[in-house]
Amino acid sequence: MKIMIRMIEILLGFIFLGAGLNGYAVLFGFEPIAPTSPAAMEFLGDGYLLAMEKASKSLQESY
């Protein structure tokens, strides 16, 4: 059971890391790896809020 929980933690970590890196691709003007929601991009914009949200996803993987 402990091994299964650890495997799920690692899988979720990779998902959050991928989402954070995808956001940085959008932030720096590259084509995103995964499609992004137009409504989310309208809400977050191009400024500091997008960078802060994507940084929190990337950092969350390390904890």
PDB file of N, CA and C in Angstrom:
ATOM      1  N   MET A   1       0.815  -1.187   0.000  1.00  0.00           N
ATOM      2  CA  MET A   1       0.000   0.000   0.000  1.00  0.00           C
ATOM      3  C   MET A   1       0.867   1.263   0.000  1.00  0.00           C
ATOM      4  N   LYS A   2       1.952   1.244   0.764  1.00  0.00           N
ATOM      5  CA  LYS A   2       2.837   2.407   0.817  1.00  0.00           C
ATOM      6  C   LYS A   2       3.511   2.649  -0.528  1.00  0.00           C
ATOM      7  N   ILE A   3       3.828   1.583  -1.229  1.00  0.00           N
ATOM      8  CA  ILE A   3       4.466   1.721  -2.544  1.00  0.00           C
ATOM      9  C   ILE A   3       3.486   2.344  -3.532  1.00  0.00           C
ATOM     10  N   MET A   4       2.231   1.932  -3.463  1.00  0.00           N
ATOM     11  CA  MET A   4       1.231   2.471  -4.374  1.00  0.00           C
ATOM     12  C   MET A   4       1.003   3.959  -4.119  1.00  0.00           C
ATOM     13  N   ILE A   5       0.952   4.358  -2.877  1.00  0.00           N
ATOM     14  CA  ILE A   5       0.778   5.771  -2.535  1.00  0.00           C
ATOM     15  C   ILE A   5       1.959   6.577  -3.037  1.00  0.00           C
ATOM     16  N   ARG A   6       3.158   6.062  -2.865  1.00  0.00           N
ATOM     17  CA  ARG A   6       4.357   6.760  -3.333  1.00  0.00           C
ATOM     18  C   ARG A   6       4.364   6.891  -4.855  1.00  0.00           C
ATOM     19  N   MET A   7       3.925   5.857  -5.565  1.00  0.00           N
ATOM     20  CA  MET A   7       3.862   5.912  -7.023  1.00  0.00           C
ATOM     21  C   MET A   7       2.856   6.966  -7.486  1.00  0.00           C
ATOM     22  N   ILE A   8       1.730   7.077  -6.798  1.00  0.00           N
ATOM     23  CA  ILE A   8       0.724   8.092  -7.124  1.00  0.00           C
ATOM     24  C   ILE A   8       1.281   9.485  -6.861  1.00  0.00           C
ATOM     25  N   GLU A   9       2.020   9.657  -5.755  1.00  0.00           N
ATOM     26  CA  GLU A   9       2.648  10.946  -5.463  1.00  0.00           C
ATOM     27  C   GLU A   9       3.614  11.352  -6.568  1.00  0.00           C
ATOM     28  N   ILE A  10       4.413  10.424  -7.030  1.00  0.00           N
ATOM     29  CA  ILE A  10       5.378  10.710  -8.089  1.00  0.00           C
ATOM     30  C   ILE A  10       4.656  11.049  -9.387  1.00  0.00           C
ATOM     31  N   LEU A  11       3.609  10.319  -9.716  1.00  0.00           N
ATOM     32  CA  LEU A  11       2.837  10.590 -10.925  1.00  0.00           C
ATOM     33  C   LEU A  11       2.224  11.984 -10.876  1.00  0.00           C
ATOM     34  N   LEU A  12       1.627  12.345  -9.753  1.00  0.00           N
ATOM     35  CA  LEU A  12       1.048  13.684  -9.619  1.00  0.00           C
ATOM     36  C   LEU A  12       2.127  14.760  -9.688  1.00  0.00           C
ATOM     37  N   GLY A  13       3.291  14.466  -9.151  1.00  0.00           N
ATOM     38  CA  GLY A  13       4.402  15.407  -9.229  1.00  0.00           C
ATOM     39  C   GLY A  13       4.805  15.674 -10.663  1.00  0.00           C
ATOM     40  N   PHE A  14       4.873  14.634 -11.483  1.00  0.00           N
ATOM     41  CA  PHE A  14       5.212  14.817 -12.893  1.00  0.00           C
ATOM     42  C   PHE A  14       4.120  15.593 -13.631  1.00  0.00           C
ATOM     43  N   ILE A  15       2.866  15.364 -13.260  1.00  0.00           N
ATOM     44  CA  ILE A  15       1.770  16.096 -13.900  1.00  0.00           C
ATOM     45  C   ILE A  15       1.883  17.587 -13.589  1.00  0.00           C
ATOM     46  N   PHE A  16       2.114  17.934 -12.305  1.00  0.00           N
ATOM     47  CA  PHE A  16       2.239  19.337 -11.938  1.00  0.00           C
ATOM     48  C   PHE A  16       3.490  19.971 -12.542  1.00  0.00           C
ATOM     49  N   LEU A  17       4.575  19.223 -12.603  1.00  0.00           N
ATOM     50  CA  LEU A  17       5.791  19.747 -13.206  1.00  0.00           C
ATOM     51  C   LEU A  17       5.579  20.029 -14.691  1.00  0.00           C
ATOM     52  N   GLY A  18       4.915  19.104 -15.380  1.00  0.00           N
ATOM     53  CA  GLY A  18       4.625  19.311 -16.798  1.00  0.00           C
ATOM     54  C   GLY A  18       3.714  20.511 -17.028  1.00  0.00           C
ATOM     55  N   ALA A  19       2.719  20.687 -16.161  1.00  0.00           N
ATOM     56  CA  ALA A  19       1.824  21.840 -16.296  1.00  0.00           C
ATOM     57  C   ALA A  19       2.575  23.141 -16.064  1.00  0.00           C
ATOM     58  N   GLY A  20       3.475  23.147 -15.103  1.00  0.00           N
ATOM     59  CA  GLY A  20       4.264  24.344 -14.840  1.00  0.00           C
ATOM     60  C   GLY A  20       5.201  24.675 -15.979  1.00  0.00           C
ATOM     61  N   LEU A  21       5.867  23.671 -16.528  1.00  0.00           N
ATOM     62  CA  LEU A  21       6.778  23.906 -17.650  1.00  0.00           C
ATOM     63  C   LEU A  21       6.018  24.330 -18.903  1.00  0.00           C
ATOM     64  N   ASN A  22       4.835  23.780 -19.092  1.00  0.00           N
ATOM     65  CA  ASN A  22       3.996  24.190 -20.219  1.00  0.00           C
ATOM     66  C   ASN A  22       3.610  25.663 -20.070  1.00  0.00           C
ATOM     67  N   GLY A  23       3.333  26.085 -18.869  1.00  0.00           N
ATOM     68  CA  GLY A  23       2.998  27.489 -18.629  1.00  0.00           C
ATOM     69  C   GLY A  23       4.167  28.408 -18.909  1.00  0.00           C
ATOM     70  N   TYR A  24       5.378  27.977 -18.568  1.00  0.00           N
ATOM     71  CA  TYR A  24       6.551  28.787 -18.870  1.00  0.00           C
ATOM     72  C   TYR A  24       6.768  28.889 -20.377  1.00  0.00           C
ATOM     73  N   ALA A  25       6.444  27.840 -21.107  1.00  0.00           N
ATOM     74  CA  ALA A  25       6.560  27.900 -22.566  1.00  0.00           C
ATOM     75  C   ALA A  25       5.632  28.974 -23.117  1.00  0.00           C
ATOM     76  N   VAL A  26       4.410  29.030 -22.592  1.00  0.00           N
ATOM     77  CA  VAL A  26       3.453  30.048 -23.020  1.00  0.00           C
ATOM     78  C   VAL A  26       3.943  31.434 -22.601  1.00  0.00           C
ATOM     79  N   LEU A  27       4.456  31.535 -21.392  1.00  0.00           N
ATOM     80  CA  LEU A  27       4.910  32.819 -20.855  1.00  0.00           C
ATOM     81  C   LEU A  27       6.047  33.404 -21.675  1.00  0.00           C
ATOM     82  N   PHE A  28       6.971  32.562 -22.135  1.00  0.00           N
ATOM     83  CA  PHE A  28       8.116  33.034 -22.895  1.00  0.00           C
ATOM     84  C   PHE A  28       7.858  33.094 -24.399  1.00  0.00           C
ATOM     85  N   GLY A  29       6.611  32.836 -24.810  1.00  0.00           N
ATOM     86  CA  GLY A  29       6.240  33.007 -26.208  1.00  0.00           C
ATOM     87  C   GLY A  29       6.424  31.794 -27.091  1.00  0.00           C
ATOM     88  N   PHE A  30       6.762  30.650 -26.517  1.00  0.00           N
ATOM     89  CA  PHE A  30       6.884  29.430 -27.315  1.00  0.00           C
ATOM     90  C   PHE A  30       5.516  28.792 -27.481  1.00  0.00           C
ATOM     91  N   GLU A  31       5.451  27.873 -28.412  1.00  0.00           N
ATOM     92  CA  GLU A  31       4.213  27.121 -28.617  1.00  0.00           C
ATOM     93  C   GLU A  31       4.033  26.150 -27.452  1.00  0.00           C
ATOM     94  N   PRO A  32       2.867  26.130 -26.812  1.00  0.00           N
ATOM     95  CA  PRO A  32       2.675  25.236 -25.668  1.00  0.00           C
ATOM     96  C   PRO A  32       2.705  23.762 -26.077  1.00  0.00           C
ATOM     97  N   ILE A  33       3.187  22.928 -25.167  1.00  0.00           N
ATOM     98  CA  ILE A  33       3.241  21.485 -25.406  1.00  0.00           C
ATOM     99  C   ILE A  33       1.830  20.908 -25.378  1.00  0.00           C
ATOM    100  N   ALA A  34       1.070  21.294 -24.368  1.00  0.00           N
ATOM    101  CA  ALA A  34      -0.323  20.871 -24.233  1.00  0.00           C
ATOM    102  C   ALA A  34      -1.205  22.094 -24.496  1.00  0.00           C
ATOM    103  N   PRO A  35      -2.401  21.892 -25.008  1.00  0.00           N
ATOM    104  CA  PRO A  35      -3.269  23.042 -25.281  1.00  0.00           C
ATOM    105  C   PRO A  35      -3.646  23.773 -23.993  1.00  0.00           C
ATOM    106  N   THR A  36      -3.740  25.088 -24.090  1.00  0.00           N
ATOM    107  CA  THR A  36      -4.131  25.890 -22.932  1.00  0.00           C
ATOM    108  C   THR A  36      -5.542  26.411 -23.132  1.00  0.00           C
ATOM    109  N   SER A  37      -6.228  26.584 -22.056  1.00  0.00           N
ATOM    110  CA  SER A  37      -7.599  27.060 -22.100  1.00  0.00           C
ATOM    111  C   SER A  37      -7.624  28.561 -22.427  1.00  0.00           C
ATOM    112  N   PRO A  38      -8.392  28.956 -23.428  1.00  0.00           N
ATOM    113  CA  PRO A  38      -8.479  30.398 -23.743  1.00  0.00           C
ATOM    114  C   PRO A  38      -9.043  31.210 -22.576  1.00  0.00           C
ATOM    115  N   ALA A  39      -9.990  30.637 -21.847  1.00  0.00           N
ATOM    116  CA  ALA A  39     -10.558  31.355 -20.706  1.00  0.00           C
ATOM    117  C   ALA A  39      -9.510  31.563 -19.609  1.00  0.00           C
ATOM    118  N   ALA A  40      -8.662  30.553 -19.385  1.00  0.00           N
ATOM    119  CA  ALA A  40      -7.617  30.689 -18.365  1.00  0.00           C
ATOM    120  C   ALA A  40      -6.581  31.715 -18.800  1.00  0.00           C
ATOM    121  N   MET A  41      -6.225  31.724 -20.078  1.00  0.00           N
ATOM    122  CA  MET A  41      -5.251  32.702 -20.562  1.00  0.00           C
ATOM    123  C   MET A  41      -5.815  34.115 -20.508  1.00  0.00           C
ATOM    124  N   GLU A  42      -7.112  34.258 -20.730  1.00  0.00           N
ATOM    125  CA  GLU A  42      -7.731  35.577 -20.616  1.00  0.00           C
ATOM    126  C   GLU A  42      -7.711  36.050 -19.164  1.00  0.00           C
ATOM    127  N   PHE A  43      -7.960  35.131 -18.245  1.00  0.00           N
ATOM    128  CA  PHE A  43      -7.967  35.480 -16.821  1.00  0.00           C
ATOM    129  C   PHE A  43      -6.560  35.791 -16.320  1.00  0.00           C
ATOM    130  N   LEU A  44      -5.579  34.948 -16.665  1.00  0.00           N
ATOM    131  CA  LEU A  44      -4.224  35.115 -16.148  1.00  0.00           C
ATOM    132  C   LEU A  44      -3.433  36.160 -16.913  1.00  0.00           C
ATOM    133  N   GLY A  45      -3.730  36.352 -18.180  1.00  0.00           N
ATOM    134  CA  GLY A  45      -3.030  37.359 -18.971  1.00  0.00           C
ATOM    135  C   GLY A  45      -1.586  36.968 -19.246  1.00  0.00           C
ATOM    136  N   ASP A  46      -0.761  37.979 -19.525  1.00  0.00           N
ATOM    137  CA  ASP A  46       0.645  37.751 -19.842  1.00  0.00           C
ATOM    138  C   ASP A  46       1.570  38.209 -18.732  1.00  0.00           C
ATOM    139  N   GLY A  47       1.040  38.700 -17.649  1.00  0.00           N
ATOM    140  CA  GLY A  47       1.860  39.345 -16.631  1.00  0.00           C
ATOM    141  C   GLY A  47       2.300  38.451 -15.494  1.00  0.00           C
ATOM    142  N   TYR A  48       2.454  39.061 -14.345  1.00  0.00           N
ATOM    143  CA  TYR A  48       3.020  38.384 -13.182  1.00  0.00           C
ATOM    144  C   TYR A  48       2.121  37.289 -12.629  1.00  0.00           C
ATOM    145  N   LEU A  49       0.805  37.399 -12.811  1.00  0.00           N
ATOM    146  CA  LEU A  49      -0.103  36.391 -12.260  1.00  0.00           C
ATOM    147  C   LEU A  49       0.119  35.036 -12.922  1.00  0.00           C
ATOM    148  N   LEU A  50       0.330  35.031 -14.235  1.00  0.00           N
ATOM    149  CA  LEU A  50       0.618  33.773 -14.938  1.00  0.00           C
ATOM    150  C   LEU A  50       1.934  33.177 -14.457  1.00  0.00           C
ATOM    151  N   ALA A  51       2.964  34.005 -14.319  1.00  0.00           N
ATOM    152  CA  ALA A  51       4.265  33.516 -13.864  1.00  0.00           C
ATOM    153  C   ALA A  51       4.178  32.984 -12.437  1.00  0.00           C
ATOM    154  N   MET A  52       3.446  33.661 -11.580  1.00  0.00           N
ATOM    155  CA  MET A  52       3.321  33.220 -10.192  1.00  0.00           C
ATOM    156  C   MET A  52       2.566  31.887 -10.106  1.00  0.00           C
ATOM    157  N   GLU A  53       1.518  31.751 -10.891  1.00  0.00           N
ATOM    158  CA  GLU A  53       0.729  30.517 -10.862  1.00  0.00           C
ATOM    159  C   GLU A  53       1.543  29.340 -11.391  1.00  0.00           C
ATOM    160  N   LYS A  54       2.292  29.539 -12.450  1.00  0.00           N
ATOM    161  CA  LYS A  54       3.089  28.457 -13.028  1.00  0.00           C
ATOM    162  C   LYS A  54       4.289  28.126 -12.146  1.00  0.00           C
ATOM    163  N   ALA A  55       4.848  29.113 -11.478  1.00  0.00           N
ATOM    164  CA  ALA A  55       5.956  28.850 -10.553  1.00  0.00           C
ATOM    165  C   ALA A  55       5.473  28.012  -9.379  1.00  0.00           C
ATOM    166  N   SER A  56       4.260  28.279  -8.907  1.00  0.00           N
ATOM    167  CA  SER A  56       3.751  27.487  -7.789  1.00  0.00           C
ATOM    168  C   SER A  56       3.516  26.043  -8.205  1.00  0.00           C
ATOM    169  N   LYS A  57       3.105  25.798  -9.430  1.00  0.00           N
ATOM    170  CA  LYS A  57       2.933  24.419  -9.907  1.00  0.00           C
ATOM    171  C   LYS A  57       4.275  23.716 -10.033  1.00  0.00           C
ATOM    172  N   SER A  58       5.276  24.443 -10.535  1.00  0.00           N
ATOM    173  CA  SER A  58       6.590  23.834 -10.694  1.00  0.00           C
ATOM    174  C   SER A  58       7.240  23.542  -9.349  1.00  0.00           C
ATOM    175  N   LEU A  59       7.091  24.450  -8.405  1.00  0.00           N
ATOM    176  CA  LEU A  59       7.675  24.256  -7.081  1.00  0.00           C
ATOM    177  C   LEU A  59       6.931  23.212  -6.274  1.00  0.00           C
ATOM    178  N   GLN A  60       5.650  23.070  -6.527  1.00  0.00           N
ATOM    179  CA  GLN A  60       4.850  22.101  -5.789  1.00  0.00           C
ATOM    180  C   GLN A  60       5.355  20.676  -6.014  1.00  0.00           C
ATOM    181  N   GLU A  61       5.947  20.427  -7.169  1.00  0.00           N
ATOM    182  CA  GLU A  61       6.461  19.102  -7.481  1.00  0.00           C
ATOM    183  C   GLU A  61       7.592  18.716  -6.537  1.00  0.00           C
ATOM    184  N   SER A  62       8.359  19.697  -6.077  1.00  0.00           N
ATOM    185  CA  SER A  62       9.512  19.376  -5.244  1.00  0.00           C
ATOM    186  C   SER A  62       9.123  19.044  -3.808  1.00  0.00           C
ATOM    187  N   TYR A  63       7.910  19.351  -3.415  1.00  0.00           N
ATOM    188  CA  TYR A  63       7.450  19.043  -2.058  1.00  0.00           C
ATOM    189  C   TYR A  63       6.587  17.866  -2.109  1.00  0.00           C
TER     190      TYR A  63
END
